[in-house]
PDB file of N, CA and C in Angstrom:
ATOM      1  N   UNK A   1      17.655   0.320  -9.065  1.00  0.00           N
ATOM      2  CA  UNK A   1      16.394   0.324  -8.353  1.00  0.00           C
ATOM      3  C   UNK A   1      16.464  -0.643  -7.178  1.00  0.00           C
ATOM      4  N   UNK A   2      15.870  -0.232  -6.099  1.00  0.00           N
ATOM      5  CA  UNK A   2      15.773  -1.061  -4.900  1.00  0.00           C
ATOM      6  C   UNK A   2      14.302  -1.170  -4.533  1.00  0.00           C
ATOM      7  N   UNK A   3      13.742  -2.354  -4.701  1.00  0.00           N
ATOM      8  CA  UNK A   3      12.330  -2.529  -4.399  1.00  0.00           C
ATOM      9  C   UNK A   3      12.141  -3.022  -2.978  1.00  0.00           C
ATOM     10  N   UNK A   4      11.234  -2.366  -2.272  1.00  0.00           N
ATOM     11  CA  UNK A   4      10.846  -2.751  -0.918  1.00  0.00           C
ATOM     12  C   UNK A   4       9.335  -2.929  -0.892  1.00  0.00           C
ATOM     13  N   UNK A   5       8.866  -3.591   0.150  1.00  0.00           N
ATOM     14  CA  UNK A   5       7.428  -3.778   0.291  1.00  0.00           C
ATOM     15  C   UNK A   5       6.958  -3.256   1.641  1.00  0.00           C
ATOM     16  N   UNK A   6       5.858  -2.542   1.612  1.00  0.00           N
ATOM     17  CA  UNK A   6       5.196  -2.056   2.823  1.00  0.00           C
ATOM     18  C   UNK A   6       3.832  -2.712   2.905  1.00  0.00           C
ATOM     19  N   UNK A   7       3.416  -3.045   4.112  1.00  0.00           N
ATOM     20  CA  UNK A   7       2.081  -3.604   4.314  1.00  0.00           C
ATOM     21  C   UNK A   7       1.340  -2.736   5.318  1.00  0.00           C
ATOM     22  N   UNK A   8       0.094  -2.453   4.987  1.00  0.00           N
ATOM     23  CA  UNK A   8      -0.744  -1.599   5.814  1.00  0.00           C
ATOM     24  C   UNK A   8      -1.980  -2.364   6.266  1.00  0.00           C
ATOM     25  N   UNK A   9      -2.381  -2.098   7.494  1.00  0.00           N
ATOM     26  CA  UNK A   9      -3.664  -2.597   7.983  1.00  0.00           C
ATOM     27  C   UNK A   9      -4.708  -1.565   7.582  1.00  0.00           C
ATOM     28  N   UNK A  10      -5.814  -2.031   7.046  1.00  0.00           N
ATOM     29  CA  UNK A  10      -6.876  -1.128   6.610  1.00  0.00           C
ATOM     30  C   UNK A  10      -7.950  -0.996   7.681  1.00  0.00           C
ATOM     31  N   UNK A  11      -8.588   0.149   7.717  1.00  0.00           N
ATOM     32  CA  UNK A  11      -9.693   0.374   8.655  1.00  0.00           C
ATOM     33  C   UNK A  11     -10.900  -0.471   8.273  1.00  0.00           C
ATOM     34  N   UNK A  12     -11.060  -0.686   6.971  1.00  0.00           N
ATOM     35  CA  UNK A  12     -12.174  -1.469   6.440  1.00  0.00           C
ATOM     36  C   UNK A  12     -11.776  -1.947   5.040  1.00  0.00           C
ATOM     37  N   UNK A  13     -12.439  -2.976   4.531  1.00  0.00           N
ATOM     38  CA  UNK A  13     -12.124  -3.433   3.167  1.00  0.00           C
ATOM     39  C   UNK A  13     -12.333  -2.311   2.150  1.00  0.00           C
ATOM     40  N   UNK A  14     -11.571  -2.386   1.077  1.00  0.00           N
ATOM     41  CA  UNK A  14     -11.649  -1.359   0.037  1.00  0.00           C
ATOM     42  C   UNK A  14     -12.904  -1.519  -0.807  1.00  0.00           C
ATOM     43  N   UNK A  15     -13.433  -0.394  -1.227  1.00  0.00           N
ATOM     44  CA  UNK A  15     -14.585  -0.356  -2.124  1.00  0.00           C
ATOM     45  C   UNK A  15     -14.071  -0.370  -3.569  1.00  0.00           C
ATOM     46  N   UNK A  16     -14.915  -0.733  -4.532  1.00  0.00           N
ATOM     47  CA  UNK A  16     -14.476  -0.771  -5.939  1.00  0.00           C
ATOM     48  C   UNK A  16     -13.833   0.533  -6.409  1.00  0.00           C
ATOM     49  N   UNK A  17     -14.377   1.675  -6.000  1.00  0.00           N
ATOM     50  CA  UNK A  17     -13.811   2.970  -6.416  1.00  0.00           C
ATOM     51  C   UNK A  17     -12.395   3.156  -5.871  1.00  0.00           C
ATOM     52  N   UNK A  18     -12.151   2.708  -4.656  1.00  0.00           N
ATOM     53  CA  UNK A  18     -10.813   2.817  -4.069  1.00  0.00           C
ATOM     54  C   UNK A  18      -9.832   1.898  -4.793  1.00  0.00           C
ATOM     55  N   UNK A  19     -10.270   0.711  -5.157  1.00  0.00           N
ATOM     56  CA  UNK A  19      -9.412  -0.198  -5.929  1.00  0.00           C
ATOM     57  C   UNK A  19      -9.079   0.407  -7.288  1.00  0.00           C
ATOM     58  N   UNK A  20     -10.048   1.055  -7.904  1.00  0.00           N
ATOM     59  CA  UNK A  20      -9.805   1.710  -9.195  1.00  0.00           C
ATOM     60  C   UNK A  20      -8.744   2.797  -9.047  1.00  0.00           C
ATOM     61  N   UNK A  21      -8.856   3.606  -7.978  1.00  0.00           N
ATOM     62  CA  UNK A  21      -7.863   4.660  -7.744  1.00  0.00           C
ATOM     63  C   UNK A  21      -6.470   4.076  -7.553  1.00  0.00           C
ATOM     64  N   UNK A  22      -6.389   2.980  -6.815  1.00  0.00           N
ATOM     65  CA  UNK A  22      -5.084   2.330  -6.630  1.00  0.00           C
ATOM     66  C   UNK A  22      -4.515   1.887  -7.972  1.00  0.00           C
ATOM     67  N   UNK A  23      -5.351   1.300  -8.802  1.00  0.00           N
ATOM     68  CA  UNK A  23      -4.904   0.845 -10.113  1.00  0.00           C
ATOM     69  C   UNK A  23      -4.405   1.962 -10.995  1.00  0.00           C
ATOM     70  N   UNK A  24      -4.951   3.163 -10.830  1.00  0.00           N
ATOM     71  CA  UNK A  24      -4.541   4.306 -11.647  1.00  0.00           C
ATOM     72  C   UNK A  24      -3.119   4.756 -11.358  1.00  0.00           C
ATOM     73  N   UNK A  25      -2.667   4.626 -10.125  1.00  0.00           N
ATOM     74  CA  UNK A  25      -1.314   5.108  -9.841  1.00  0.00           C
ATOM     75  C   UNK A  25      -0.348   4.016  -9.424  1.00  0.00           C
ATOM     76  N   UNK A  26      -0.745   2.765  -9.532  1.00  0.00           N
ATOM     77  CA  UNK A  26       0.129   1.673  -9.096  1.00  0.00           C
ATOM     78  C   UNK A  26       1.442   1.632  -9.881  1.00  0.00           C
ATOM     79  N   UNK A  27       1.440   2.070 -11.128  1.00  0.00           N
ATOM     80  CA  UNK A  27       2.664   2.044 -11.927  1.00  0.00           C
ATOM     81  C   UNK A  27       3.296   3.424 -12.073  1.00  0.00           C
ATOM     82  N   UNK A  28       2.897   4.359 -11.235  1.00  0.00           N
ATOM     83  CA  UNK A  28       3.496   5.687 -11.236  1.00  0.00           C
ATOM     84  C   UNK A  28       4.063   5.971  -9.855  1.00  0.00           C
ATOM     85  N   UNK A  29       4.642   7.124  -9.691  1.00  0.00           N
ATOM     86  CA  UNK A  29       5.195   7.554  -8.405  1.00  0.00           C
ATOM     87  C   UNK A  29       6.255   6.600  -7.856  1.00  0.00           C
ATOM     88  N   UNK A  30       6.764   5.658  -8.660  1.00  0.00           N
ATOM     89  CA  UNK A  30       7.730   4.696  -8.144  1.00  0.00           C
ATOM     90  C   UNK A  30       7.074   3.512  -7.461  1.00  0.00           C
ATOM     91  N   UNK A  31       5.741   3.456  -7.499  1.00  0.00           N
ATOM     92  CA  UNK A  31       5.020   2.315  -6.938  1.00  0.00           C
ATOM     93  C   UNK A  31       4.951   1.234  -8.007  1.00  0.00           C
ATOM     94  N   UNK A  32       5.366   0.048  -7.650  1.00  0.00           N
ATOM     95  CA  UNK A  32       5.436  -1.009  -8.652  1.00  0.00           C
ATOM     96  C   UNK A  32       4.148  -1.816  -8.739  1.00  0.00           C
ATOM     97  N   UNK A  33       3.664  -2.299  -7.600  1.00  0.00           N
ATOM     98  CA  UNK A  33       2.423  -3.062  -7.621  1.00  0.00           C
ATOM     99  C   UNK A  33       1.836  -3.112  -6.220  1.00  0.00           C
ATOM    100  N   UNK A  34       0.578  -3.483  -6.163  1.00  0.00           N
ATOM    101  CA  UNK A  34      -0.081  -3.621  -4.871  1.00  0.00           C
ATOM    102  C   UNK A  34      -0.892  -4.902  -4.867  1.00  0.00           C
ATOM    103  N   UNK A  35      -1.202  -5.358  -3.665  1.00  0.00           N
ATOM    104  CA  UNK A  35      -2.103  -6.501  -3.528  1.00  0.00           C
ATOM    105  C   UNK A  35      -2.874  -6.356  -2.221  1.00  0.00           C
ATOM    106  N   UNK A  36      -4.090  -6.832  -2.257  1.00  0.00           N
ATOM    107  CA  UNK A  36      -4.960  -6.835  -1.087  1.00  0.00           C
ATOM    108  C   UNK A  36      -5.087  -8.282  -0.643  1.00  0.00           C
ATOM    109  N   UNK A  37      -4.924  -8.537   0.651  1.00  0.00           N
ATOM    110  CA  UNK A  37      -5.024  -9.918   1.131  1.00  0.00           C
ATOM    111  C   UNK A  37      -6.477 -10.402   1.026  1.00  0.00           C
ATOM    112  N   UNK A  38      -6.699 -11.718   1.078  1.00  0.00           N
ATOM    113  CA  UNK A  38      -8.052 -12.266   0.897  1.00  0.00           C
ATOM    114  C   UNK A  38      -9.093 -11.729   1.880  1.00  0.00           C
ATOM    115  N   UNK A  39      -8.686 -11.375   3.082  1.00  0.00           N
ATOM    116  CA  UNK A  39      -9.651 -10.844   4.059  1.00  0.00           C
ATOM    117  C   UNK A  39     -10.052  -9.409   3.735  1.00  0.00           C
ATOM    118  N   UNK A  40      -9.267  -8.745   2.871  1.00  0.00           N
ATOM    119  CA  UNK A  40      -9.537  -7.351   2.539  1.00  0.00           C
ATOM    120  C   UNK A  40      -9.099  -6.374   3.612  1.00  0.00           C
ATOM    121  N   UNK A  41      -8.357  -6.852   4.600  1.00  0.00           N
ATOM    122  CA  UNK A  41      -7.956  -5.997   5.727  1.00  0.00           C
ATOM    123  C   UNK A  41      -6.495  -5.552   5.668  1.00  0.00           C
ATOM    124  N   UNK A  42      -5.737  -6.037   4.692  1.00  0.00           N
ATOM    125  CA  UNK A  42      -4.332  -5.631   4.562  1.00  0.00           C
ATOM    126  C   UNK A  42      -4.025  -5.310   3.102  1.00  0.00           C
ATOM    127  N   UNK A  43      -3.205  -4.289   2.925  1.00  0.00           N
ATOM    128  CA  UNK A  43      -2.792  -3.827   1.612  1.00  0.00           C
ATOM    129  C   UNK A  43      -1.274  -3.777   1.591  1.00  0.00           C
ATOM    130  N   UNK A  44      -0.667  -4.441   0.605  1.00  0.00           N
ATOM    131  CA  UNK A  44       0.795  -4.422   0.467  1.00  0.00           C
ATOM    132  C   UNK A  44       1.164  -3.682  -0.810  1.00  0.00           C
ATOM    133  N   UNK A  45       2.230  -2.890  -0.718  1.00  0.00           N
ATOM    134  CA  UNK A  45       2.735  -2.131  -1.852  1.00  0.00           C
ATOM    135  C   UNK A  45       4.207  -2.422  -2.047  1.00  0.00           C
ATOM    136  N   UNK A  46       4.588  -2.704  -3.274  1.00  0.00           N
ATOM    137  CA  UNK A  46       5.997  -2.811  -3.631  1.00  0.00           C
ATOM    138  C   UNK A  46       6.359  -1.482  -4.289  1.00  0.00           C
ATOM    139  N   UNK A  47       7.463  -0.893  -3.830  1.00  0.00           N
ATOM    140  CA  UNK A  47       7.834   0.421  -4.348  1.00  0.00           C
ATOM    141  C   UNK A  47       9.341   0.518  -4.529  1.00  0.00           C
ATOM    142  N   UNK A  48       9.746   1.475  -5.342  1.00  0.00           N
ATOM    143  CA  UNK A  48      11.153   1.724  -5.632  1.00  0.00           C
ATOM    144  C   UNK A  48      11.705   2.661  -4.555  1.00  0.00           C
ATOM    145  N   UNK A  49      12.470   2.103  -3.632  1.00  0.00           N
ATOM    146  CA  UNK A  49      13.005   2.880  -2.506  1.00  0.00           C
ATOM    147  C   UNK A  49      14.063   3.888  -2.945  1.00  0.00           C
ATOM    148  N   UNK A  50      14.579   3.761  -4.161  1.00  0.00           N
ATOM    149  CA  UNK A  50      15.526   4.763  -4.641  1.00  0.00           C
ATOM    150  C   UNK A  50      14.791   6.028  -5.103  1.00  0.00           C
ATOM    151  N   UNK A  51      13.480   5.934  -5.281  1.00  0.00           N
ATOM    152  CA  UNK A  51      12.681   7.082  -5.706  1.00  0.00           C
ATOM    153  C   UNK A  51      11.736   7.597  -4.628  1.00  0.00           C
ATOM    154  N   UNK A  52      11.303   6.721  -3.726  1.00  0.00           N
ATOM    155  CA  UNK A  52      10.306   7.089  -2.722  1.00  0.00           C
ATOM    156  C   UNK A  52      10.726   6.650  -1.334  1.00  0.00           C
ATOM    157  N   UNK A  53      10.230   7.366  -0.356  1.00  0.00           N
ATOM    158  CA  UNK A  53      10.371   6.960   1.046  1.00  0.00           C
ATOM    159  C   UNK A  53       9.041   6.353   1.480  1.00  0.00           C
ATOM    160  N   UNK A  54       9.071   5.587   2.553  1.00  0.00           N
ATOM    161  CA  UNK A  54       7.842   4.974   3.073  1.00  0.00           C
ATOM    162  C   UNK A  54       6.793   6.038   3.402  1.00  0.00           C
ATOM    163  N   UNK A  55       7.227   7.181   3.917  1.00  0.00           N
ATOM    164  CA  UNK A  55       6.273   8.243   4.260  1.00  0.00           C
ATOM    165  C   UNK A  55       5.579   8.796   3.014  1.00  0.00           C
ATOM    166  N   UNK A  56       6.282   8.800   1.888  1.00  0.00           N
ATOM    167  CA  UNK A  56       5.675   9.276   0.646  1.00  0.00           C
ATOM    168  C   UNK A  56       4.632   8.287   0.131  1.00  0.00           C
ATOM    169  N   UNK A  57       4.890   6.992   0.314  1.00  0.00           N
ATOM    170  CA  UNK A  57       3.899   5.982  -0.063  1.00  0.00           C
ATOM    171  C   UNK A  57       2.634   6.200   0.760  1.00  0.00           C
ATOM    172  N   UNK A  58       2.799   6.411   2.042  1.00  0.00           N
ATOM    173  CA  UNK A  58       1.655   6.656   2.925  1.00  0.00           C
ATOM    174  C   UNK A  58       0.890   7.900   2.483  1.00  0.00           C
ATOM    175  N   UNK A  59       1.604   8.943   2.102  1.00  0.00           N
ATOM    176  CA  UNK A  59       0.961  10.177   1.645  1.00  0.00           C
ATOM    177  C   UNK A  59       0.129   9.927   0.382  1.00  0.00           C
ATOM    178  N   UNK A  60       0.662   9.155  -0.549  1.00  0.00           N
ATOM    179  CA  UNK A  60      -0.069   8.827  -1.776  1.00  0.00           C
ATOM    180  C   UNK A  60      -1.364   8.090  -1.436  1.00  0.00           C
ATOM    181  N   UNK A  61      -1.290   7.150  -0.498  1.00  0.00           N
ATOM    182  CA  UNK A  61      -2.490   6.403  -0.098  1.00  0.00           C
ATOM    183  C   UNK A  61      -3.522   7.330   0.549  1.00  0.00           C
ATOM    184  N   UNK A  62      -3.066   8.257   1.361  1.00  0.00           N
ATOM    185  CA  UNK A  62      -3.989   9.208   1.989  1.00  0.00           C
ATOM    186  C   UNK A  62      -4.666  10.086   0.945  1.00  0.00           C
ATOM    187  N   UNK A  63      -3.899  10.545  -0.038  1.00  0.00           N
ATOM    188  CA  UNK A  63      -4.474  11.374  -1.107  1.00  0.00           C
ATOM    189  C   UNK A  63      -5.529  10.607  -1.899  1.00  0.00           C
ATOM    190  N   UNK A  64      -5.325   9.296  -2.038  1.00  0.00           N
ATOM    191  CA  UNK A  64      -6.284   8.459  -2.765  1.00  0.00           C
ATOM    192  C   UNK A  64      -7.460   8.039  -1.882  1.00  0.00           C
ATOM    193  N   UNK A  65      -7.470   8.517  -0.632  1.00  0.00           N
ATOM    194  CA  UNK A  65      -8.544   8.219   0.331  1.00  0.00           C
ATOM    195  C   UNK A  65      -8.654   6.725   0.626  1.00  0.00           C
ATOM    196  N   UNK A  66      -7.500   6.078   0.757  1.00  0.00           N
ATOM    197  CA  UNK A  66      -7.448   4.671   1.146  1.00  0.00           C
ATOM    198  C   UNK A  66      -7.492   4.627   2.671  1.00  0.00           C
ATOM    199  N   UNK A  67      -8.400   3.850   3.263  1.00  0.00           N
ATOM    200  CA  UNK A  67      -8.599   3.865   4.721  1.00  0.00           C
ATOM    201  C   UNK A  67      -7.526   3.091   5.494  1.00  0.00           C
ATOM    202  N   UNK A  68      -6.318   3.636   5.512  1.00  0.00           N
ATOM    203  CA  UNK A  68      -5.199   2.990   6.204  1.00  0.00           C
ATOM    204  C   UNK A  68      -5.313   3.244   7.705  1.00  0.00           C
ATOM    205  N   UNK A  69      -5.239   2.173   8.483  1.00  0.00           N
ATOM    206  CA  UNK A  69      -5.242   2.302   9.941  1.00  0.00           C
ATOM    207  C   UNK A  69      -3.823   2.508  10.446  1.00  0.00           C
ATOM    208  N   UNK A  70      -2.880   1.701   9.909  1.00  0.00           N
ATOM    209  CA  UNK A  70      -1.483   1.822  10.335  1.00  0.00           C
ATOM    210  C   UNK A  70      -0.596   0.993   9.421  1.00  0.00           C
ATOM    211  N   UNK A  71       0.690   1.326   9.449  1.00  0.00           N
ATOM    212  CA  UNK A  71       1.701   0.547   8.727  1.00  0.00           C
ATOM    213  C   UNK A  71       2.112  -0.610   9.629  1.00  0.00           C
ATOM    214  N   UNK A  72       2.142  -1.809   9.066  1.00  0.00           N
ATOM    215  CA  UNK A  72       2.574  -2.975   9.830  1.00  0.00           C
ATOM    216  C   UNK A  72       4.091  -3.101   9.781  1.00  0.00           C
ATOM    217  N   UNK A  73       4.670  -3.500  10.872  1.00  0.00           N
ATOM    218  CA  UNK A  73       6.108  -3.752  10.930  1.00  0.00           C
ATOM    219  C   UNK A  73       6.393  -5.098  10.258  1.00  0.00           C
ATOM    220  N   UNK A  74       7.598  -5.283   9.702  1.00  0.00           N
ATOM    221  CA  UNK A  74       7.914  -6.536   9.003  1.00  0.00           C
ATOM    222  C   UNK A  74       7.642  -7.795   9.827  1.00  0.00           C
ATOM    223  N   UNK A  75       7.945  -7.752  11.112  1.00  0.00           N
ATOM    224  CA  UNK A  75       7.715  -8.947  11.933  1.00  0.00           C
ATOM    225  C   UNK A  75       6.222  -9.241  12.100  1.00  0.00           C
ATOM    226  N   UNK A  76       5.380  -8.212  12.035  1.00  0.00           N
ATOM    227  CA  UNK A  76       3.933  -8.427  12.107  1.00  0.00           C
ATOM    228  C   UNK A  76       3.423  -9.095  10.836  1.00  0.00           C
ATOM    229  N   UNK A  77       3.994  -8.710   9.710  1.00  0.00           N
ATOM    230  CA  UNK A  77       3.585  -9.279   8.429  1.00  0.00           C
ATOM    231  C   UNK A  77       3.980 -10.747   8.366  1.00  0.00           C
ATOM    232  N   UNK A  78       5.181 -11.072   8.830  1.00  0.00           N
ATOM    233  CA  UNK A  78       5.659 -12.453   8.801  1.00  0.00           C
ATOM    234  C   UNK A  78       4.836 -13.368   9.688  1.00  0.00           C
ATOM    235  N   UNK A  79       4.287 -12.836  10.760  1.00  0.00           N
ATOM    236  CA  UNK A  79       3.532 -13.672  11.691  1.00  0.00           C
ATOM    237  C   UNK A  79       2.090 -13.896  11.254  1.00  0.00           C
ATOM    238  N   UNK A  80       1.663 -13.238  10.177  1.00  0.00           N
ATOM    239  CA  UNK A  80       0.269 -13.370   9.731  1.00  0.00           C
ATOM    240  C   UNK A  80       0.072 -14.578   8.858  1.00  0.00           C
TER     241      UNK A  80
END
């Protein structure tokens, strides 16, 4: 297994129902865990890159109706 992390900027903070949906599939689809930053504007996902591609992670988030604005590049995450 090769675990990678993706961070997304959110359009708006997540609602309780959206957090519940994330919790339902966080341990499936090769997604290991997620965390929301204290401001509620960024969502990070750790995933198994041997099972999923970054585009598939994004697709899962869209299906769960998570308001993703864009994927942040690694250098953007480090500067935050």
